[in-house]
Amino acid sequence: MKTLFISDLDGTLLTSRENISAYSLENLNKMIDEEGLCFTYATARSLNSAAKACWGLRQKLPVVLYNGALIMEPSSRKVLYNNHFNGGQLSFLKEQFSKFDVWPLVYSFREGTERVFWMQGKETAGVRRYLDRRAGDPRLHPVSDGKELRGDDIFYFNCIGKKEELDGLHAAVESSLDIRCIYERETYQTDYWCEIMPASTSKGAAATALKQLLGAETLVCFGDGNNDRSLFLAADASFAVRNASDDLKEMATGVIGYSEEDAVCKFIMENFEKYR
């Protein structure tokens, strides 16, 4: 493999309808099947959510999930990489959640199976919306006792709510040297997401690990937001969509078209021979 192409999903590869357009699906699949395009994605989403958004895309390669916490094989659901918290980090976070009265979604593996736990009755409107959109998802497990919010390998916390409800927690977590926090407004809503992971977790670290795993020589990435910064730093060439943040545009190799106009797919079609 010479070049591995990795794209962010929301605001980059996906449209505002949270899917891949018919044009991009047709042409990306054609290049994957007929020209050997090595294409995958790096997202804050889970595998279930990402697979739904990318329905129809040939997912032959492993994918980067939860902002780099996991690398998984889509078909087998085999975990190739899991950057989970240690005991000290979990103890610190438990104190902060209690101090600021924030009840997170807790992502972990229990007996090798992915689980999402949360305290029933403590849901914010944003958390309820998150859960409603995933009704029937076998990962979801509400609990009635905070002591049950645990797992063999907790790798990710997500707190969804109003900015004023999460600012204090965000500031406290940001003060920790070994814990990382991504704090942004949700792409399609007004709520904020405070996503918490070990400091060593990033899309860039996972993309580098995947590049090495697949034996690729070159890494080309696409993105739109602050959680794509590490991905751009890890890439040999990085391209921001036109609707990306100004900060990301400044650090990109170049700026391409809008996500709503199939910018990622069109760029690859026009430049594939260059990176072959």
Protein backbone atom coordinates (compact mmCIF):
# COMPACT_ATOMS: atom_id res chain seq x y z
CA MET A 1 0.00 0.00 0.00
CA LYS A 2 1.44 3.34 -0.99
CA THR A 3 -1.18 5.86 0.17
CA LEU A 4 -3.80 5.57 2.91
CA PHE A 5 -6.60 8.14 2.69
CA ILE A 6 -8.40 8.91 5.98
CA SER A 7 -11.36 11.27 6.22
CA ASP A 8 -13.24 12.72 9.14
CA LEU A 9 -16.99 12.11 8.84
CA ASP A 10 -19.27 14.85 10.21
CA GLY A 11 -18.77 18.12 8.39
CA THR A 12 -16.23 16.56 6.05
CA LEU A 13 -17.29 13.39 4.22
CA LEU A 14 -20.92 13.45 5.38
CA THR A 15 -23.64 15.83 4.27
CA SER A 16 -25.88 17.75 6.67
CA ARG A 17 -28.24 14.76 6.44
CA GLU A 18 -25.54 12.72 8.20
CA ASN A 19 -24.92 10.43 5.27
CA ILE A 20 -22.59 10.07 2.30
CA SER A 21 -24.10 11.43 -0.89
CA ALA A 22 -25.02 9.05 -3.70
CA TYR A 23 -22.33 10.69 -5.85
CA SER A 24 -19.57 10.10 -3.32
CA LEU A 25 -20.71 6.54 -2.59
CA GLU A 26 -20.72 5.59 -6.25
CA ASN A 27 -17.33 7.07 -7.04
CA LEU A 28 -15.50 6.09 -3.85
CA ASN A 29 -16.74 2.51 -4.17
CA LYS A 30 -15.69 2.42 -7.81
CA MET A 31 -12.17 3.57 -6.93
CA ILE A 32 -11.97 1.10 -4.03
CA ASP A 33 -13.16 -1.83 -6.16
CA GLU A 34 -11.49 -1.05 -9.47
CA GLU A 35 -8.46 1.11 -8.71
CA GLY A 36 -7.32 -0.13 -5.33
CA LEU A 37 -8.11 3.04 -3.39
CA CYS A 38 -7.23 2.54 0.29
CA PHE A 39 -9.84 4.67 2.05
CA THR A 40 -11.20 4.73 5.59
CA TYR A 41 -12.40 7.21 8.18
CA ALA A 42 -11.52 8.64 11.60
CA THR A 43 -14.49 9.85 13.62
CA ALA A 44 -15.77 10.70 17.08
CA ARG A 45 -18.63 8.29 16.40
CA SER A 46 -18.98 4.68 17.53
CA LEU A 47 -18.87 1.88 14.96
CA ASN A 48 -22.66 1.52 15.01
CA SER A 49 -23.24 5.23 14.42
CA ALA A 50 -20.50 5.53 11.81
CA ALA A 51 -21.63 2.44 9.90
CA LYS A 52 -25.18 3.81 9.74
CA ALA A 53 -23.93 7.16 8.41
CA CYS A 54 -21.65 5.41 5.90
CA TRP A 55 -24.18 2.81 4.80
CA GLY A 56 -23.19 1.47 1.38
CA LEU A 57 -19.52 2.43 1.57
CA ARG A 58 -17.04 -0.39 0.96
CA GLN A 59 -15.45 -0.62 4.40
CA LYS A 60 -12.60 -3.00 3.64
CA LEU A 61 -10.11 -1.35 6.00
CA PRO A 62 -10.16 -0.86 9.79
CA VAL A 63 -11.72 2.38 11.02
CA VAL A 64 -10.72 4.89 13.71
CA LEU A 65 -13.46 5.53 16.28
CA TYR A 66 -14.15 7.70 19.33
CA ASN A 67 -11.61 10.34 18.26
CA GLY A 68 -8.84 7.75 18.18
CA ALA A 69 -9.62 5.66 21.27
CA LEU A 70 -10.30 2.56 19.16
CA ILE A 71 -9.36 1.00 15.85
CA MET A 72 -11.82 -1.70 14.80
CA GLU A 73 -12.48 -3.99 11.87
CA PRO A 74 -16.04 -3.12 10.73
CA SER A 75 -17.04 -6.60 9.59
CA SER A 76 -15.71 -8.66 12.49
CA ARG A 77 -15.90 -5.88 15.11
CA LYS A 78 -12.47 -6.99 16.23
CA VAL A 79 -10.63 -4.36 18.29
CA LEU A 80 -7.13 -3.77 16.97
CA TYR A 81 -6.28 -0.87 19.28
CA ASN A 82 -7.79 0.31 22.59
CA ASN A 83 -6.27 3.26 24.45
CA HIS A 84 -8.15 3.03 27.77
CA PHE A 85 -7.88 4.92 31.08
CA ASN A 86 -5.77 3.78 34.01
CA GLY A 87 -6.96 3.62 37.62
CA GLY A 88 -5.57 7.00 38.64
CA GLN A 89 -7.22 8.77 35.74
CA LEU A 90 -10.57 7.13 36.50
CA SER A 91 -10.36 8.10 40.18
CA PHE A 92 -9.68 11.74 39.28
CA LEU A 93 -12.56 11.86 36.78
CA LYS A 94 -15.00 10.30 39.21
CA GLU A 95 -14.23 13.14 41.66
CA GLN A 96 -14.82 15.78 38.96
CA PHE A 97 -18.10 14.28 37.79
CA SER A 98 -19.34 14.30 41.39
CA LYS A 99 -18.08 17.84 42.06
CA PHE A 100 -19.83 19.35 39.03
CA ASP A 101 -22.86 17.01 39.16
CA VAL A 102 -22.32 15.84 35.60
CA TRP A 103 -23.42 12.33 34.67
CA PRO A 104 -21.56 11.10 31.59
CA LEU A 105 -22.10 8.40 29.07
CA VAL A 106 -19.46 5.78 29.95
CA TYR A 107 -17.90 3.74 27.15
CA SER A 108 -16.14 0.51 28.05
CA PHE A 109 -15.59 -3.13 27.25
CA ARG A 110 -17.01 -5.72 29.59
CA GLU A 111 -16.04 -9.32 28.90
CA GLY A 112 -14.90 -8.26 25.43
CA THR A 113 -18.19 -6.57 24.51
CA GLU A 114 -18.59 -2.83 24.04
CA ARG A 115 -21.02 -1.19 26.46
CA VAL A 116 -22.37 2.33 26.98
CA PHE A 117 -23.55 2.92 30.55
CA TRP A 118 -25.34 5.94 32.02
CA MET A 119 -27.23 6.84 35.17
CA GLN A 120 -30.93 6.45 34.51
CA GLY A 121 -32.93 9.53 35.52
CA LYS A 122 -29.93 11.87 35.23
CA GLU A 123 -30.09 12.35 31.46
CA THR A 124 -29.80 15.84 29.99
CA ALA A 125 -31.90 16.71 26.95
CA GLY A 126 -28.83 16.14 24.81
CA VAL A 127 -28.20 12.71 26.30
CA ARG A 128 -31.85 11.75 25.82
CA ARG A 129 -31.63 12.78 22.17
CA TYR A 130 -28.43 10.74 21.82
CA LEU A 131 -30.12 7.68 23.35
CA ASP A 132 -33.37 8.08 21.40
CA ARG A 133 -31.48 8.08 18.11
CA ARG A 134 -29.84 4.81 19.16
CA ALA A 135 -32.94 3.01 20.44
CA GLY A 136 -32.40 -0.73 20.25
CA ASP A 137 -28.61 -0.45 20.23
CA PRO A 138 -27.35 -3.50 22.19
CA ARG A 139 -24.49 -1.45 23.65
CA LEU A 140 -26.86 0.67 25.75
CA HIS A 141 -27.12 -0.25 29.44
CA PRO A 142 -28.78 2.14 31.93
CA VAL A 143 -27.88 1.73 35.60
CA SER A 144 -29.54 2.92 38.81
CA ASP A 145 -26.41 3.07 40.96
CA GLY A 146 -23.40 5.24 40.17
CA LYS A 147 -21.12 2.46 41.40
CA GLU A 148 -22.16 0.43 38.38
CA LEU A 149 -20.61 2.98 36.00
CA ARG A 150 -17.51 0.90 35.47
CA GLY A 151 -15.98 -1.51 33.01
CA ASP A 152 -12.91 -3.61 32.36
CA ASP A 153 -11.54 -1.05 29.91
CA ILE A 154 -13.21 2.38 30.07
CA PHE A 155 -11.80 4.31 27.15
CA TYR A 156 -14.14 7.28 26.74
CA PHE A 157 -16.59 9.55 28.55
CA ASN A 158 -19.08 11.83 26.81
CA CYS A 159 -20.95 14.59 28.61
CA ILE A 160 -23.69 16.30 26.58
CA GLY A 161 -25.40 19.45 27.74
CA LYS A 162 -25.55 23.23 27.75
CA LYS A 163 -22.25 25.07 27.70
CA GLU A 164 -22.84 26.67 31.09
CA GLU A 165 -23.46 23.22 32.58
CA LEU A 166 -20.17 21.83 31.33
CA ASP A 167 -17.72 24.75 31.50
CA GLY A 168 -16.57 23.94 35.04
CA LEU A 169 -15.94 20.27 34.31
CA HIS A 170 -14.11 21.15 31.13
CA ALA A 171 -11.80 23.56 32.94
CA ALA A 172 -11.02 21.01 35.66
CA VAL A 173 -10.29 18.20 33.22
CA GLU A 174 -8.16 20.48 31.05
CA SER A 175 -5.91 21.10 34.06
CA SER A 176 -4.91 17.44 34.12
CA LEU A 177 -1.72 16.60 32.24
CA ASP A 178 -2.65 13.02 31.36
CA ILE A 179 -6.30 13.47 30.36
CA ARG A 180 -7.54 15.07 27.17
CA CYS A 181 -10.82 16.83 26.56
CA ILE A 182 -12.48 17.80 23.29
CA TYR A 183 -15.05 20.51 23.96
CA GLU A 184 -17.13 21.62 21.01
CA ARG A 185 -20.67 22.40 20.01
CA GLU A 186 -22.39 19.46 18.36
CA THR A 187 -22.27 19.71 14.56
CA TYR A 188 -26.03 19.50 14.04
CA GLN A 189 -27.37 20.82 17.40
CA THR A 190 -26.84 23.62 19.94
CA ASP A 191 -25.68 21.35 22.78
CA TYR A 192 -22.01 21.02 23.68
CA TRP A 193 -20.12 17.74 23.89
CA CYS A 194 -17.36 17.35 26.46
CA GLU A 195 -15.54 14.23 25.28
CA ILE A 196 -12.93 12.92 27.71
CA MET A 197 -10.16 10.43 26.98
CA PRO A 198 -6.55 9.70 27.97
CA ALA A 199 -4.14 12.41 26.80
CA SER A 200 -2.45 9.87 24.56
CA THR A 201 -5.70 9.33 22.65
CA SER A 202 -6.04 11.23 19.38
CA LYS A 203 -7.09 10.68 15.81
CA GLY A 204 -3.48 11.35 14.84
CA ALA A 205 -2.02 8.66 17.10
CA ALA A 206 -4.57 6.11 15.90
CA ALA A 207 -4.06 7.09 12.25
CA THR A 208 -0.30 6.64 12.66
CA ALA A 209 -0.85 3.23 14.23
CA LEU A 210 -3.18 2.25 11.38
CA LYS A 211 -0.70 3.50 8.77
CA GLN A 212 1.97 1.27 10.30
CA LEU A 213 -0.40 -1.67 10.68
CA LEU A 214 -1.33 -1.52 6.99
CA GLY A 215 2.20 -0.78 5.79
CA ALA A 216 1.24 2.44 4.02
CA GLU A 217 3.95 4.82 2.89
CA THR A 218 1.88 8.02 2.78
CA LEU A 219 -1.03 9.28 4.86
CA VAL A 220 -3.47 11.79 3.32
CA CYS A 221 -6.19 13.17 5.60
CA PHE A 222 -9.33 15.32 5.42
CA GLY A 223 -11.14 17.20 8.18
CA ASP A 224 -13.11 20.22 9.36
CA GLY A 225 -12.81 20.66 13.13
CA ASN A 226 -10.49 21.01 16.11
CA ASN A 227 -10.56 17.28 16.79
CA ASP A 228 -8.87 16.82 13.41
CA ARG A 229 -5.77 18.82 14.36
CA SER A 230 -3.81 15.77 15.50
CA LEU A 231 -4.85 13.96 12.33
CA PHE A 232 -3.44 16.79 10.24
CA LEU A 233 -0.20 16.81 12.24
CA ALA A 234 0.23 13.08 11.65
CA ALA A 235 -0.51 13.28 7.91
CA ASP A 236 1.94 13.62 5.07
CA ALA A 237 -0.68 15.79 3.35
CA SER A 238 -3.82 17.26 4.92
CA PHE A 239 -6.80 19.00 3.36
CA ALA A 240 -9.47 21.06 5.09
CA VAL A 241 -12.92 21.38 3.58
CA ARG A 242 -14.00 24.96 2.89
CA ASN A 243 -16.48 24.87 5.80
CA ALA A 244 -13.68 23.94 8.23
CA SER A 245 -12.52 26.07 11.14
CA ASP A 246 -10.03 28.80 10.29
CA ASP A 247 -7.42 27.27 12.58
CA LEU A 248 -7.57 23.96 10.73
CA LYS A 249 -7.38 25.68 7.35
CA GLU A 250 -4.20 27.46 8.45
CA MET A 251 -2.41 24.21 9.29
CA ALA A 252 -3.66 22.28 6.23
CA THR A 253 -1.66 21.49 3.12
CA GLY A 254 -4.58 22.93 1.19
CA VAL A 255 -8.26 23.85 1.30
CA ILE A 256 -10.73 21.96 -0.88
CA GLY A 257 -14.47 22.41 -1.55
CA TYR A 258 -17.43 22.20 0.80
CA SER A 259 -18.55 18.98 2.48
CA GLU A 260 -21.98 19.44 0.91
CA GLU A 261 -20.36 19.41 -2.54
CA ASP A 262 -18.55 16.04 -2.32
CA ALA A 263 -15.21 17.77 -1.79
CA VAL A 264 -13.35 14.74 -0.40
CA CYS A 265 -14.47 12.39 -3.15
CA LYS A 266 -13.79 14.93 -5.91
CA PHE A 267 -10.31 15.67 -4.54
CA ILE A 268 -9.40 11.99 -4.50
CA MET A 269 -10.77 11.47 -8.02
CA GLU A 270 -8.74 14.40 -9.33
CA ASN A 271 -5.52 13.56 -7.47
CA PHE A 272 -5.50 9.78 -7.10
CA GLU A 273 -2.80 9.24 -9.72
CA LYS A 274 -0.52 11.63 -7.85
CA TYR A 275 -0.64 9.48 -4.72
CA ARG A 276 -0.82 6.05 -6.38
